Amino acid sequence: MTDIRSLNRPLILGLGTLALIRPLTRVVESQLGIEHHPAVTISITVVITVVWIAAVGLTRNTAPVLTLVLAGLVYGVLSIALSGVLSPILSGSLRGPLANPVAIIPVLATNAAWGLVAGSLALALQRARGIQPPADSESR
């Protein structure tokens, strides 16, 4: 099992923060009065996922799955916090998961699952490149 101390924390934080492009795009669209199209969110999600996979799968990251699960959780926490800060400013009332705390767990679970899928693809990319995990990491 991977030692948590060996994880690349700046990478995890950076990738989680990068994903804030998704909610920030919606905020900007809303403020500009632009009609939101679902294809925009899907496209942004695909681009972020590709960046995540490349950032981890094209390196010798020793824990690609755990790294991206944690990046997904970082994004979930940051997006909840962003919603808590921006919703009262933009709409006049608290909205989102903080207004309905029972929604916090599904938000975190969904983003952890996103990280799990991306991490699995990053691991597959590493393996395709001939990079094998250390004997004490995710292969056990």
Protein backbone atom coordinates (compact mmCIF):
# COMPACT_ATOMS: atom_id res chain seq x y z
CA MET A 1 0.00 0.00 0.00
CA THR A 2 1.19 3.51 -0.79
CA ASP A 3 2.46 5.56 2.12
CA ILE A 4 0.30 8.69 2.31
CA ARG A 5 3.43 10.74 2.99
CA SER A 6 4.81 9.82 -0.43
CA LEU A 7 1.88 11.37 -2.31
CA ASN A 8 2.49 14.49 -4.36
CA ARG A 9 0.31 16.92 -2.38
CA PRO A 10 0.91 19.95 -4.64
CA LEU A 11 -0.16 17.87 -7.65
CA ILE A 12 -3.30 16.68 -5.86
CA LEU A 13 -4.20 20.20 -4.78
CA GLY A 14 -3.41 21.63 -8.21
CA LEU A 15 -5.49 19.09 -10.10
CA GLY A 16 -8.41 19.49 -7.69
CA THR A 17 -8.21 23.27 -8.03
CA LEU A 18 -8.01 23.04 -11.83
CA ALA A 19 -11.41 21.35 -11.84
CA LEU A 20 -12.95 24.53 -10.36
CA ILE A 21 -13.07 25.70 -13.97
CA ARG A 22 -16.37 23.79 -14.18
CA PRO A 23 -18.38 25.73 -11.58
CA LEU A 24 -16.63 29.01 -12.35
CA THR A 25 -17.66 28.70 -16.00
CA ARG A 26 -21.28 28.33 -14.93
CA VAL A 27 -21.00 31.38 -12.66
CA VAL A 28 -19.54 33.49 -15.47
CA GLU A 29 -22.19 32.30 -17.93
CA SER A 30 -24.90 33.09 -15.43
CA GLN A 31 -23.57 36.56 -14.72
CA LEU A 32 -23.25 37.33 -18.44
CA GLY A 33 -26.74 36.06 -19.14
CA ILE A 34 -25.45 33.33 -21.43
CA GLU A 35 -27.68 30.30 -21.72
CA HIS A 36 -25.86 27.28 -20.33
CA HIS A 37 -25.61 24.33 -22.68
CA PRO A 38 -24.91 20.89 -21.18
CA ALA A 39 -22.31 20.21 -23.87
CA VAL A 40 -20.14 22.93 -22.33
CA THR A 41 -20.04 21.19 -18.95
CA ILE A 42 -19.41 17.81 -20.59
CA SER A 43 -16.61 19.24 -22.74
CA ILE A 44 -14.96 20.94 -19.77
CA THR A 45 -15.22 17.72 -17.75
CA VAL A 46 -13.60 15.73 -20.56
CA VAL A 47 -10.75 18.24 -20.92
CA ILE A 48 -10.12 18.27 -17.15
CA THR A 49 -10.17 14.47 -17.09
CA VAL A 50 -7.66 14.27 -19.95
CA VAL A 51 -5.39 16.75 -18.14
CA TRP A 52 -5.67 14.69 -14.94
CA ILE A 53 -4.86 11.46 -16.76
CA ALA A 54 -1.93 13.03 -18.61
CA ALA A 55 -0.52 14.74 -15.51
CA VAL A 56 -0.43 11.45 -13.64
CA GLY A 57 -0.25 8.81 -16.38
CA LEU A 58 2.62 10.41 -18.25
CA THR A 59 4.76 10.60 -15.11
CA ARG A 60 6.15 8.04 -12.73
CA ASN A 61 3.54 8.82 -10.07
CA THR A 62 3.62 5.86 -7.69
CA ALA A 63 -0.08 6.04 -6.78
CA PRO A 64 -2.07 7.27 -9.79
CA VAL A 65 -5.44 6.00 -8.58
CA LEU A 66 -5.13 7.36 -5.05
CA THR A 67 -3.71 10.64 -6.36
CA LEU A 68 -6.72 11.25 -8.60
CA VAL A 69 -9.29 10.03 -6.06
CA LEU A 70 -7.84 12.61 -3.68
CA ALA A 71 -7.84 15.26 -6.44
CA GLY A 72 -11.54 14.50 -6.94
CA LEU A 73 -12.16 14.91 -3.21
CA VAL A 74 -10.19 18.17 -3.15
CA TYR A 75 -12.34 19.43 -6.01
CA GLY A 76 -15.50 18.34 -4.16
CA VAL A 77 -14.51 20.18 -0.98
CA LEU A 78 -13.43 23.30 -2.89
CA SER A 79 -16.60 23.36 -4.99
CA ILE A 80 -18.75 23.06 -1.87
CA ALA A 81 -16.82 25.93 -0.28
CA LEU A 82 -17.06 28.00 -3.49
CA SER A 83 -20.80 27.44 -3.58
CA GLY A 84 -21.07 28.49 0.05
CA VAL A 85 -19.21 31.73 -0.64
CA LEU A 86 -20.66 32.67 -4.02
CA SER A 87 -24.31 31.63 -3.70
CA PRO A 88 -25.19 34.25 -1.04
CA ILE A 89 -23.37 36.93 -3.05
CA LEU A 90 -24.91 36.02 -6.41
CA SER A 91 -28.38 34.86 -5.42
CA GLY A 92 -28.90 36.44 -2.01
CA SER A 93 -29.26 33.11 -0.21
CA LEU A 94 -27.16 30.09 0.63
CA ARG A 95 -27.62 27.37 -1.96
CA GLY A 96 -25.91 24.12 -2.81
CA PRO A 97 -24.62 21.39 -0.50
CA LEU A 98 -24.05 23.66 2.51
CA ALA A 99 -27.73 24.66 2.40
CA ASN A 100 -28.66 20.98 2.22
CA PRO A 101 -25.94 19.12 4.16
CA VAL A 102 -27.29 15.72 3.21
CA ALA A 103 -25.99 16.49 -0.31
CA ILE A 104 -22.37 16.80 0.84
CA ILE A 105 -21.71 13.05 0.86
CA PRO A 106 -23.05 12.46 -2.68
CA VAL A 107 -21.00 15.40 -3.99
CA LEU A 108 -17.83 13.98 -2.45
CA ALA A 109 -18.67 10.42 -3.54
CA THR A 110 -19.33 11.51 -7.13
CA ASN A 111 -16.05 13.39 -7.35
CA ALA A 112 -14.12 10.55 -5.71
CA ALA A 113 -15.64 8.22 -8.34
CA TRP A 114 -14.56 10.65 -11.08
CA GLY A 115 -11.03 10.50 -9.64
CA LEU A 116 -11.21 6.71 -9.43
CA VAL A 117 -12.09 6.39 -13.11
CA ALA A 118 -9.45 8.93 -14.17
CA GLY A 119 -6.87 7.31 -11.87
CA SER A 120 -7.59 3.88 -13.32
CA LEU A 121 -7.08 5.27 -16.81
CA ALA A 122 -3.85 6.98 -15.70
CA LEU A 123 -2.63 3.68 -14.24
CA ALA A 124 -3.49 1.93 -17.52
CA LEU A 125 -1.56 4.62 -19.40
CA GLN A 126 1.44 4.09 -17.13
CA ARG A 127 1.30 0.35 -17.70
CA ALA A 128 0.98 0.84 -21.46
CA ARG A 129 4.14 2.96 -21.26
CA GLY A 130 5.91 0.14 -19.43
CA ILE A 131 5.91 1.79 -16.02
CA GLN A 132 5.24 -0.76 -13.32
CA PRO A 133 4.19 0.30 -9.82
CA PRO A 134 6.60 -0.38 -6.96
CA ALA A 135 6.09 -3.75 -5.30
CA ASP A 136 4.46 -2.11 -2.26
CA SER A 137 2.00 0.15 -4.09
CA GLU A 138 -1.35 -0.26 -5.82
CA SER A 139 -0.62 -3.61 -7.45
CA ARG A 140 -1.41 -5.48 -4.25
